[in-house]
């Protein structure tokens, strides 16, 4: 198995409301089959899929879904970009979990939950600079 995540699927209780949130962040939808809302990212796709259909596909009871402990990180090029993006998320309907602040390891970050509780970290890591196209790697990219 290659070290790659191709598609991140969020089980959505309310597809319309959740997609309106991501639209309000400025993300652009990509054409997709009925029942799926997709946003192409840099190197991956984020998909929104009805929670009940996800339960049906996985064979898990609906009551088991929606409680997974995970977070998604969106890294930025500078510390100064973190607070404005958290503000934009809040204006779109997010709940701020942790406002923008310096972190003990030298970075700067904050957290929000989207309208259905999916957790996002908005961060600047000076030790992992983004590539010009926005791609992230844990230890950054060597300059060429």
C-alpha atoms as a PDB file:
ATOM      1  CA  UNK A   1       0.000   0.000   0.000  1.00  0.00           C
ATOM      2  CA  UNK A   2       1.401   3.376  -0.987  1.00  0.00           C
ATOM      3  CA  UNK A   3       1.545   6.117   1.669  1.00  0.00           C
ATOM      4  CA  UNK A   4      -1.345   8.152   0.333  1.00  0.00           C
ATOM      5  CA  UNK A   5      -4.846   9.207   1.214  1.00  0.00           C
ATOM      6  CA  UNK A   6      -6.819   9.690  -1.986  1.00  0.00           C
ATOM      7  CA  UNK A   7     -10.284  10.511  -0.705  1.00  0.00           C
ATOM      8  CA  UNK A   8     -11.455  11.802   2.652  1.00  0.00           C
ATOM      9  CA  UNK A   9     -15.177  11.136   3.082  1.00  0.00           C
ATOM     10  CA  UNK A  10     -17.228  12.934   5.698  1.00  0.00           C
ATOM     11  CA  UNK A  11     -20.497  11.263   6.631  1.00  0.00           C
ATOM     12  CA  UNK A  12     -23.044  14.090   6.494  1.00  0.00           C
ATOM     13  CA  UNK A  13     -26.285  14.245   8.460  1.00  0.00           C
ATOM     14  CA  UNK A  14     -27.441  17.230   6.335  1.00  0.00           C
ATOM     15  CA  UNK A  15     -25.729  17.275   2.935  1.00  0.00           C
ATOM     16  CA  UNK A  16     -27.125  20.673   1.940  1.00  0.00           C
ATOM     17  CA  UNK A  17     -26.078  22.481   5.112  1.00  0.00           C
ATOM     18  CA  UNK A  18     -22.639  20.878   5.245  1.00  0.00           C
ATOM     19  CA  UNK A  19     -21.910  21.601   1.574  1.00  0.00           C
ATOM     20  CA  UNK A  20     -23.045  25.217   2.029  1.00  0.00           C
ATOM     21  CA  UNK A  21     -20.465  25.517   4.817  1.00  0.00           C
ATOM     22  CA  UNK A  22     -17.594  24.322   2.607  1.00  0.00           C
ATOM     23  CA  UNK A  23     -18.883  26.481  -0.261  1.00  0.00           C
ATOM     24  CA  UNK A  24     -18.798  29.489   2.107  1.00  0.00           C
ATOM     25  CA  UNK A  25     -15.125  28.742   2.836  1.00  0.00           C
ATOM     26  CA  UNK A  26     -14.544  29.368  -0.858  1.00  0.00           C
ATOM     27  CA  UNK A  27     -14.046  25.751  -1.900  1.00  0.00           C
ATOM     28  CA  UNK A  28     -15.146  24.821  -5.419  1.00  0.00           C
ATOM     29  CA  UNK A  29     -17.205  21.696  -6.060  1.00  0.00           C
ATOM     30  CA  UNK A  30     -16.125  19.271  -8.726  1.00  0.00           C
ATOM     31  CA  UNK A  31     -18.654  17.343 -10.825  1.00  0.00           C
ATOM     32  CA  UNK A  32     -19.620  14.098  -9.119  1.00  0.00           C
ATOM     33  CA  UNK A  33     -22.337  11.441  -9.268  1.00  0.00           C
ATOM     34  CA  UNK A  34     -25.652  12.005  -7.547  1.00  0.00           C
ATOM     35  CA  UNK A  35     -25.469  11.513  -3.820  1.00  0.00           C
ATOM     36  CA  UNK A  36     -21.848  12.673  -3.486  1.00  0.00           C
ATOM     37  CA  UNK A  37     -20.523  16.212  -3.172  1.00  0.00           C
ATOM     38  CA  UNK A  38     -16.812  16.438  -3.932  1.00  0.00           C
ATOM     39  CA  UNK A  39     -14.122  19.093  -3.539  1.00  0.00           C
ATOM     40  CA  UNK A  40     -10.783  18.437  -5.199  1.00  0.00           C
ATOM     41  CA  UNK A  41      -7.903  19.375  -2.918  1.00  0.00           C
ATOM     42  CA  UNK A  42      -4.177  19.456  -3.583  1.00  0.00           C
ATOM     43  CA  UNK A  43      -3.446  15.765  -3.979  1.00  0.00           C
ATOM     44  CA  UNK A  44      -6.736  14.474  -2.526  1.00  0.00           C
ATOM     45  CA  UNK A  45     -10.487  14.915  -2.703  1.00  0.00           C
ATOM     46  CA  UNK A  46     -12.858  15.686   0.152  1.00  0.00           C
ATOM     47  CA  UNK A  47     -16.199  13.971  -0.309  1.00  0.00           C
ATOM     48  CA  UNK A  48     -19.476  14.546   1.496  1.00  0.00           C
ATOM     49  CA  UNK A  49     -21.728  11.504   1.590  1.00  0.00           C
ATOM     50  CA  UNK A  50     -25.011  10.883   3.429  1.00  0.00           C
ATOM     51  CA  UNK A  51     -24.261   9.405   6.849  1.00  0.00           C
ATOM     52  CA  UNK A  52     -26.970   6.752   6.549  1.00  0.00           C
ATOM     53  CA  UNK A  53     -25.571   5.626   3.181  1.00  0.00           C
ATOM     54  CA  UNK A  54     -22.065   5.446   4.666  1.00  0.00           C
ATOM     55  CA  UNK A  55     -23.398   3.210   7.437  1.00  0.00           C
ATOM     56  CA  UNK A  56     -25.107   1.033   4.852  1.00  0.00           C
ATOM     57  CA  UNK A  57     -21.916   0.753   2.755  1.00  0.00           C
ATOM     58  CA  UNK A  58     -19.633  -0.067   5.686  1.00  0.00           C
ATOM     59  CA  UNK A  59     -22.072  -2.462   7.340  1.00  0.00           C
ATOM     60  CA  UNK A  60     -21.881  -0.521  10.601  1.00  0.00           C
ATOM     61  CA  UNK A  61     -24.923   0.567  12.568  1.00  0.00           C
ATOM     62  CA  UNK A  62     -25.733   4.246  12.055  1.00  0.00           C
ATOM     63  CA  UNK A  63     -25.307   4.743  15.806  1.00  0.00           C
ATOM     64  CA  UNK A  64     -21.601   3.787  15.483  1.00  0.00           C
ATOM     65  CA  UNK A  65     -20.819   6.560  12.997  1.00  0.00           C
ATOM     66  CA  UNK A  66     -20.238  10.219  13.662  1.00  0.00           C
ATOM     67  CA  UNK A  67     -18.247   9.726  16.836  1.00  0.00           C
ATOM     68  CA  UNK A  68     -14.779   9.035  15.433  1.00  0.00           C
ATOM     69  CA  UNK A  69     -11.926  10.950  17.011  1.00  0.00           C
ATOM     70  CA  UNK A  70      -9.920  12.524  14.211  1.00  0.00           C
ATOM     71  CA  UNK A  71      -9.012  15.938  12.902  1.00  0.00           C
ATOM     72  CA  UNK A  72      -8.033  17.409   9.571  1.00  0.00           C
ATOM     73  CA  UNK A  73      -5.219  19.941   9.330  1.00  0.00           C
ATOM     74  CA  UNK A  74      -5.023  22.812   6.873  1.00  0.00           C
ATOM     75  CA  UNK A  75      -1.561  24.348   6.952  1.00  0.00           C
ATOM     76  CA  UNK A  76      -0.878  27.897   5.819  1.00  0.00           C
ATOM     77  CA  UNK A  77       2.166  29.772   4.592  1.00  0.00           C
ATOM     78  CA  UNK A  78       2.319  32.273   7.463  1.00  0.00           C
ATOM     79  CA  UNK A  79       1.264  32.738  11.073  1.00  0.00           C
ATOM     80  CA  UNK A  80      -0.717  35.835  10.089  1.00  0.00           C
ATOM     81  CA  UNK A  81      -3.099  33.775   7.910  1.00  0.00           C
ATOM     82  CA  UNK A  82      -4.378  31.583  10.768  1.00  0.00           C
ATOM     83  CA  UNK A  83      -6.737  33.958  12.622  1.00  0.00           C
ATOM     84  CA  UNK A  84      -8.427  35.341   9.459  1.00  0.00           C
ATOM     85  CA  UNK A  85      -9.149  31.819   8.214  1.00  0.00           C
ATOM     86  CA  UNK A  86     -10.638  30.852  11.586  1.00  0.00           C
ATOM     87  CA  UNK A  87     -12.806  33.995  11.380  1.00  0.00           C
ATOM     88  CA  UNK A  88     -13.956  33.038   7.870  1.00  0.00           C
ATOM     89  CA  UNK A  89     -14.837  29.550   9.092  1.00  0.00           C
ATOM     90  CA  UNK A  90     -16.806  30.991  12.010  1.00  0.00           C
ATOM     91  CA  UNK A  91     -18.671  33.347   9.672  1.00  0.00           C
ATOM     92  CA  UNK A  92     -19.531  30.316   7.507  1.00  0.00           C
ATOM     93  CA  UNK A  93     -21.026  28.488  10.514  1.00  0.00           C
ATOM     94  CA  UNK A  94     -18.088  26.821  12.275  1.00  0.00           C
ATOM     95  CA  UNK A  95     -17.686  26.700  16.033  1.00  0.00           C
ATOM     96  CA  UNK A  96     -14.262  27.875  17.155  1.00  0.00           C
ATOM     97  CA  UNK A  97     -12.761  25.294  19.499  1.00  0.00           C
ATOM     98  CA  UNK A  98      -9.419  27.010  20.061  1.00  0.00           C
ATOM     99  CA  UNK A  99      -8.587  30.521  18.847  1.00  0.00           C
ATOM    100  CA  UNK A 100      -5.353  31.228  16.961  1.00  0.00           C
ATOM    101  CA  UNK A 101      -2.369  31.042  19.285  1.00  0.00           C
ATOM    102  CA  UNK A 102       1.303  30.169  19.467  1.00  0.00           C
ATOM    103  CA  UNK A 103       2.125  26.526  20.200  1.00  0.00           C
ATOM    104  CA  UNK A 104       4.925  25.307  22.493  1.00  0.00           C
ATOM    105  CA  UNK A 105       6.785  23.657  19.600  1.00  0.00           C
ATOM    106  CA  UNK A 106       7.127  26.929  17.667  1.00  0.00           C
ATOM    107  CA  UNK A 107       4.073  26.907  15.429  1.00  0.00           C
ATOM    108  CA  UNK A 108       0.797  28.827  15.501  1.00  0.00           C
ATOM    109  CA  UNK A 109      -2.656  27.239  15.231  1.00  0.00           C
ATOM    110  CA  UNK A 110      -6.327  27.107  16.170  1.00  0.00           C
ATOM    111  CA  UNK A 111      -9.210  24.639  15.801  1.00  0.00           C
ATOM    112  CA  UNK A 112     -12.784  24.767  14.554  1.00  0.00           C
ATOM    113  CA  UNK A 113     -15.608  22.268  14.166  1.00  0.00           C
ATOM    114  CA  UNK A 114     -17.705  22.375  11.023  1.00  0.00           C
ATOM    115  CA  UNK A 115     -21.515  22.433  11.428  1.00  0.00           C
ATOM    116  CA  UNK A 116     -21.611  18.651  11.940  1.00  0.00           C
ATOM    117  CA  UNK A 117     -18.669  18.495  14.338  1.00  0.00           C
ATOM    118  CA  UNK A 118     -15.801  17.484  12.027  1.00  0.00           C
ATOM    119  CA  UNK A 119     -12.652  18.987  13.573  1.00  0.00           C
ATOM    120  CA  UNK A 120     -10.185  21.085  11.582  1.00  0.00           C
ATOM    121  CA  UNK A 121      -6.833  22.439  12.713  1.00  0.00           C
ATOM    122  CA  UNK A 122      -5.703  25.624  10.975  1.00  0.00           C
ATOM    123  CA  UNK A 123      -1.962  25.899  11.388  1.00  0.00           C
ATOM    124  CA  UNK A 124       1.325  27.433  10.395  1.00  0.00           C
ATOM    125  CA  UNK A 125       4.334  25.206  10.976  1.00  0.00           C
ATOM    126  CA  UNK A 126       7.571  27.082  10.293  1.00  0.00           C
ATOM    127  CA  UNK A 127       9.415  23.747  10.237  1.00  0.00           C
ATOM    128  CA  UNK A 128       7.233  22.362   7.419  1.00  0.00           C
ATOM    129  CA  UNK A 129       7.002  25.077   4.780  1.00  0.00           C
ATOM    130  CA  UNK A 130       4.473  24.442   2.047  1.00  0.00           C
ATOM    131  CA  UNK A 131       5.595  23.895  -1.516  1.00  0.00           C
ATOM    132  CA  UNK A 132       4.694  26.671  -3.983  1.00  0.00           C
ATOM    133  CA  UNK A 133       1.557  24.735  -5.017  1.00  0.00           C
ATOM    134  CA  UNK A 134       0.458  24.370  -1.378  1.00  0.00           C
ATOM    135  CA  UNK A 135       1.509  20.744  -0.949  1.00  0.00           C
ATOM    136  CA  UNK A 136       2.458  19.754   2.598  1.00  0.00           C
ATOM    137  CA  UNK A 137       5.102  17.344   3.812  1.00  0.00           C
ATOM    138  CA  UNK A 138       5.878  16.768   7.504  1.00  0.00           C
ATOM    139  CA  UNK A 139       9.468  18.018   7.255  1.00  0.00           C
ATOM    140  CA  UNK A 140       8.812  20.394   4.378  1.00  0.00           C
ATOM    141  CA  UNK A 141      10.320  20.269   0.915  1.00  0.00           C
ATOM    142  CA  UNK A 142      13.940  20.787  -0.001  1.00  0.00           C
ATOM    143  CA  UNK A 143      14.450  23.903  -2.044  1.00  0.00           C
ATOM    144  CA  UNK A 144      15.649  23.233  -5.583  1.00  0.00           C
END
